[in-house]
Amino acid sequence: MNTVLFQEFCARDHIDGKTGNSCGDQEKFLAVIALKFKLSLKSDGKYRIYWRLTQGILTMAATVASTILNIPAPDFRLPATDGKTYALADIAGEKGTVIVFICNHCPYVKAVIDRLVADARTLMTEGIGFAAICSNDATTHPEDSFANMQKFAKAHEFPFPYLHDESQKVAHAYGAVCTPDYFGYGRDLKLKYRGRLDEGRIDPPPPGARRELVEAMRAITRGEAAPDQHASIGCSIKWKAHM
């Protein structure tokens, strides 16, 4: 298990509503999480780790190296905060496409949102289509309601569509697990990048940090493999009870 991710979880999160948990030994911690969420240590534990804890408590999810590249982007048709409805074809750019799952309340999203908007503007001027999707259950997290999505998009001057996945079917189709969660596609709409925006998390990235999403998408437009795909870290998507 990645030590940095483990330490990040222990430092910033809660387990069953209790703060100050030391988490203890990494293997013991992973075993507890695996048992709690019926995960397999041989598969989920090794390749994809989900931290999905009690509803209403800040949670973290990380996606790692098990991502299968070159799979096609699932189609969708979703309403946006600008009053329009968009399909994947409406978002797709001439040279590539980025779909990012975000929400309004998550501190990880709030910490990166202005950098995300700036990098989206850069990519959009270079022929990359861009859209954000919110799939969170607004019943349990009203800050992520469609009305609040509209306010969030306006406050941060989104240059891209902000789409509402109320049914959560699109999040499931993409395999999204956290906010923010980035999916970068080539011009053929096949997955080439499942990394992060940059190395910043709750705190800003250090001076001179790489713009990882921008660099990856530029490489993809040149027909090159996206370098150094580091896992995105954030709050888990807030699934509906029946999901």
Protein backbone atom coordinates (compact mmCIF):
# COMPACT_ATOMS: atom_id res chain seq x y z
CA MET A 1 0.00 0.00 0.00
CA ASN A 2 1.32 3.44 -0.92
CA THR A 3 2.78 5.01 2.24
CA VAL A 4 1.98 8.57 1.17
CA LEU A 5 -1.69 7.72 0.58
CA PHE A 6 -1.84 5.90 3.90
CA GLN A 7 -0.36 8.82 5.79
CA GLU A 8 -2.64 11.26 3.97
CA PHE A 9 -5.68 9.26 5.01
CA CYS A 10 -4.58 8.99 8.63
CA ALA A 11 -3.75 12.67 8.85
CA ARG A 12 -6.89 14.10 7.29
CA ASP A 13 -9.74 11.68 7.71
CA HIS A 14 -12.05 10.11 10.26
CA ILE A 15 -13.02 6.52 10.87
CA ASP A 16 -16.60 5.91 11.99
CA GLY A 17 -16.87 9.48 13.21
CA LYS A 18 -13.88 9.29 15.56
CA THR A 19 -11.03 11.73 15.11
CA GLY A 20 -7.42 11.32 16.07
CA ASN A 21 -7.23 7.70 14.92
CA SER A 22 -3.60 6.69 14.54
CA CYS A 23 -4.49 3.95 12.00
CA GLY A 24 -1.68 1.78 13.35
CA ASP A 25 0.01 -0.79 11.19
CA GLN A 26 -0.65 -0.38 7.44
CA GLU A 27 -1.45 -4.03 6.82
CA LYS A 28 -3.81 -4.17 9.79
CA PHE A 29 -5.50 -0.99 8.61
CA LEU A 30 -5.93 -2.34 5.09
CA ALA A 31 -7.34 -5.58 6.46
CA VAL A 32 -9.91 -3.67 8.52
CA ILE A 33 -11.00 -1.59 5.51
CA ALA A 34 -11.17 -4.69 3.31
CA LEU A 35 -13.35 -6.48 5.87
CA LYS A 36 -15.58 -3.44 6.38
CA PHE A 37 -16.31 -3.00 2.68
CA LYS A 38 -16.00 -6.65 1.61
CA LEU A 39 -12.97 -5.97 -0.56
CA SER A 40 -10.43 -8.54 -1.65
CA LEU A 41 -6.92 -7.88 -0.40
CA LYS A 42 -5.55 -9.73 -3.44
CA SER A 43 -7.41 -7.57 -5.94
CA ASP A 44 -8.94 -4.41 -4.48
CA GLY A 45 -6.28 -4.14 -1.80
CA LYS A 46 -3.44 -4.40 -4.30
CA TYR A 47 -4.79 -2.43 -7.22
CA ARG A 48 -7.67 -0.18 -6.22
CA ILE A 49 -8.39 1.09 -2.74
CA TYR A 50 -11.66 2.71 -1.74
CA TRP A 51 -12.12 4.68 1.45
CA ARG A 52 -15.90 5.01 1.72
CA LEU A 53 -16.86 5.64 5.33
CA THR A 54 -19.92 6.78 7.26
CA GLN A 55 -22.23 9.13 5.34
CA GLY A 56 -21.68 12.78 6.11
CA ILE A 57 -18.03 12.26 7.14
CA LEU A 58 -15.22 13.50 4.93
CA THR A 59 -13.96 10.50 3.00
CA MET A 60 -11.10 9.82 0.64
CA ALA A 61 -10.73 7.64 -2.40
CA ALA A 62 -7.70 6.94 -4.53
CA THR A 63 -7.47 5.28 -7.92
CA VAL A 64 -4.21 3.61 -8.81
CA ALA A 65 -2.43 1.57 -11.42
CA SER A 66 -5.15 -0.96 -12.24
CA THR A 67 -6.76 1.50 -14.65
CA ILE A 68 -7.24 -0.10 -18.06
CA LEU A 69 -6.25 2.34 -20.78
CA ASN A 70 -7.58 2.53 -24.34
CA ILE A 71 -11.16 1.73 -23.38
CA PRO A 72 -13.76 3.97 -25.10
CA ALA A 73 -15.45 6.82 -23.26
CA PRO A 74 -19.03 5.92 -22.28
CA ASP A 75 -21.61 8.11 -23.95
CA PHE A 76 -24.02 10.24 -21.93
CA ARG A 77 -26.68 12.88 -22.23
CA LEU A 78 -26.81 15.18 -19.20
CA PRO A 79 -28.23 18.57 -18.23
CA ALA A 80 -25.76 21.36 -17.53
CA THR A 81 -25.79 24.42 -15.31
CA ASP A 82 -26.00 26.64 -18.40
CA GLY A 83 -29.46 25.29 -19.20
CA LYS A 84 -28.34 23.10 -22.10
CA THR A 85 -28.12 19.33 -22.43
CA TYR A 86 -24.86 17.76 -23.59
CA ALA A 87 -23.88 14.41 -25.04
CA LEU A 88 -20.30 13.17 -25.18
CA ALA A 89 -20.09 14.22 -28.84
CA ASP A 90 -20.91 17.80 -27.83
CA ILE A 91 -17.97 17.84 -25.41
CA ALA A 92 -15.36 16.01 -27.47
CA GLY A 93 -12.54 18.14 -28.84
CA GLU A 94 -10.74 17.81 -32.13
CA LYS A 95 -7.54 16.68 -30.41
CA GLY A 96 -8.82 15.07 -27.23
CA THR A 97 -11.26 15.29 -24.34
CA VAL A 98 -11.13 15.58 -20.55
CA ILE A 99 -14.00 14.49 -18.31
CA VAL A 100 -13.55 15.27 -14.62
CA PHE A 101 -15.88 14.25 -11.81
CA ILE A 102 -16.14 16.95 -9.17
CA CYS A 103 -18.64 18.30 -6.66
CA ASN A 104 -19.19 21.55 -4.76
CA HIS A 105 -18.54 20.62 -1.14
CA CYS A 106 -15.36 18.52 -1.20
CA PRO A 107 -12.31 20.34 0.23
CA TYR A 108 -10.09 18.59 -2.31
CA VAL A 109 -12.16 20.07 -5.14
CA LYS A 110 -12.28 23.50 -3.52
CA ALA A 111 -8.51 23.45 -3.14
CA VAL A 112 -7.86 22.79 -6.84
CA ILE A 113 -10.84 24.36 -8.57
CA ASP A 114 -9.22 27.60 -9.68
CA ARG A 115 -6.15 25.75 -11.01
CA LEU A 116 -8.48 23.26 -12.69
CA VAL A 117 -10.36 26.09 -14.40
CA ALA A 118 -7.10 27.73 -15.51
CA ASP A 119 -5.75 24.47 -16.94
CA ALA A 120 -9.08 23.73 -18.62
CA ARG A 121 -8.91 27.11 -20.36
CA THR A 122 -5.40 26.27 -21.56
CA LEU A 123 -6.43 22.88 -22.91
CA MET A 124 -9.60 24.16 -24.53
CA THR A 125 -7.60 26.71 -26.54
CA GLU A 126 -5.47 23.78 -27.79
CA GLY A 127 -8.37 21.75 -29.17
CA ILE A 128 -9.13 19.66 -26.08
CA GLY A 129 -12.79 19.31 -25.12
CA PHE A 130 -13.54 19.63 -21.39
CA ALA A 131 -16.49 19.00 -19.08
CA ALA A 132 -17.08 18.45 -15.37
CA ILE A 133 -19.72 16.13 -13.92
CA CYS A 134 -21.26 16.09 -10.45
CA SER A 135 -22.75 12.72 -9.48
CA ASN A 136 -23.13 13.14 -5.72
CA ASP A 137 -26.37 12.36 -3.94
CA ALA A 138 -27.81 15.79 -3.16
CA THR A 139 -30.25 14.27 -0.67
CA THR A 140 -27.46 13.46 1.76
CA HIS A 141 -25.22 16.30 0.55
CA PRO A 142 -27.48 19.26 -0.35
CA GLU A 143 -24.46 21.47 -1.06
CA ASP A 144 -24.09 19.39 -4.23
CA SER A 145 -27.62 20.11 -5.50
CA PHE A 146 -28.14 21.33 -9.05
CA ALA A 147 -28.94 24.84 -7.80
CA ASN A 148 -25.67 24.92 -5.88
CA MET A 149 -23.85 23.53 -8.91
CA GLN A 150 -25.05 26.57 -10.83
CA LYS A 151 -23.75 28.88 -8.11
CA PHE A 152 -20.42 27.04 -7.96
CA ALA A 153 -19.92 27.21 -11.73
CA LYS A 154 -20.73 30.93 -11.77
CA ALA A 155 -18.51 31.74 -8.79
CA HIS A 156 -15.51 30.08 -10.42
CA GLU A 157 -16.33 31.18 -13.97
CA PHE A 158 -16.36 27.72 -15.52
CA PRO A 159 -15.50 27.92 -19.24
CA PHE A 160 -16.75 24.35 -19.70
CA PRO A 161 -20.11 22.60 -19.15
CA TYR A 162 -20.85 21.46 -15.60
CA LEU A 163 -23.12 18.44 -15.93
CA HIS A 164 -25.51 16.86 -13.46
CA ASP A 165 -25.50 13.06 -13.23
CA GLU A 166 -28.47 12.73 -10.89
CA SER A 167 -28.98 9.01 -11.56
CA GLN A 168 -25.25 8.33 -10.99
CA LYS A 169 -25.28 6.01 -14.00
CA VAL A 170 -22.57 7.99 -15.76
CA ALA A 171 -20.25 7.88 -12.76
CA HIS A 172 -20.70 4.10 -12.64
CA ALA A 173 -20.12 3.78 -16.38
CA TYR A 174 -16.83 5.67 -16.13
CA GLY A 175 -15.74 3.94 -12.93
CA ALA A 176 -15.37 7.25 -11.10
CA VAL A 177 -14.65 6.90 -7.39
CA CYS A 178 -13.62 10.28 -6.07
CA THR A 179 -13.82 14.03 -6.52
CA PRO A 180 -11.82 15.16 -8.35
CA ASP A 181 -11.35 12.18 -10.70
CA TYR A 182 -9.81 12.89 -14.12
CA PHE A 183 -10.31 10.98 -17.39
CA GLY A 184 -8.23 12.06 -20.37
CA TYR A 185 -9.12 10.77 -23.85
CA GLY A 186 -7.40 10.95 -27.21
CA ARG A 187 -9.04 12.14 -30.39
CA ASP A 188 -10.40 8.61 -30.81
CA LEU A 189 -12.18 8.95 -27.42
CA LYS A 190 -10.17 6.13 -25.89
CA LEU A 191 -8.83 6.50 -22.37
CA LYS A 192 -5.21 7.63 -22.24
CA TYR A 193 -4.92 9.32 -18.84
CA ARG A 194 -6.31 8.58 -15.37
CA GLY A 195 -4.10 10.75 -13.22
CA ARG A 196 -4.32 13.98 -11.27
CA LEU A 197 -4.27 17.71 -12.00
CA ASP A 198 -0.97 18.28 -10.21
CA GLU A 199 0.68 17.30 -6.94
CA GLY A 200 -1.39 19.72 -4.86
CA ARG A 201 -4.01 18.26 -2.52
CA ILE A 202 -5.61 20.32 0.24
CA ASP A 203 -2.56 22.58 0.08
CA PRO A 204 -1.30 24.22 -3.12
CA PRO A 205 1.45 22.47 -5.07
CA PRO A 206 5.01 23.68 -4.46
CA PRO A 207 6.43 26.39 -6.73
CA GLY A 208 7.46 24.99 -10.07
CA ALA A 209 5.25 21.89 -9.78
CA ARG A 210 4.35 20.24 -13.07
CA ARG A 211 0.93 20.80 -14.62
CA GLU A 212 0.44 17.06 -14.95
CA LEU A 213 -2.96 17.01 -16.66
CA VAL A 214 -1.91 19.67 -19.17
CA GLU A 215 1.38 17.90 -19.91
CA ALA A 216 -0.38 14.55 -20.27
CA MET A 217 -3.00 15.85 -22.67
CA ARG A 218 -0.38 17.62 -24.77
CA ALA A 219 1.56 14.36 -25.02
CA ILE A 220 -1.62 12.55 -26.04
CA THR A 221 -2.30 15.05 -28.83
CA ARG A 222 1.20 14.27 -30.16
CA GLY A 223 0.40 10.56 -30.18
CA GLU A 224 2.65 9.89 -27.19
CA ALA A 225 1.88 8.04 -23.97
CA ALA A 226 0.90 10.25 -21.04
CA PRO A 227 3.81 10.24 -18.55
CA ASP A 228 3.73 9.61 -14.80
CA GLN A 229 0.09 8.89 -14.07
CA HIS A 230 -0.25 9.54 -10.34
CA ALA A 231 -3.50 8.68 -8.59
CA SER A 232 -6.04 11.40 -7.97
CA ILE A 233 -7.03 11.77 -4.33
CA GLY A 234 -10.21 13.29 -2.98
CA CYS A 235 -13.56 12.72 -1.32
CA SER A 236 -15.43 9.59 -2.34
CA ILE A 237 -18.45 10.02 -4.58
CA LYS A 238 -21.55 10.12 -2.40
CA TRP A 239 -23.56 7.18 -3.75
CA LYS A 240 -27.27 6.80 -3.22
CA ALA A 241 -28.29 4.06 -0.82
CA HIS A 242 -29.56 1.76 -3.58
CA MET A 243 -26.40 2.21 -5.65
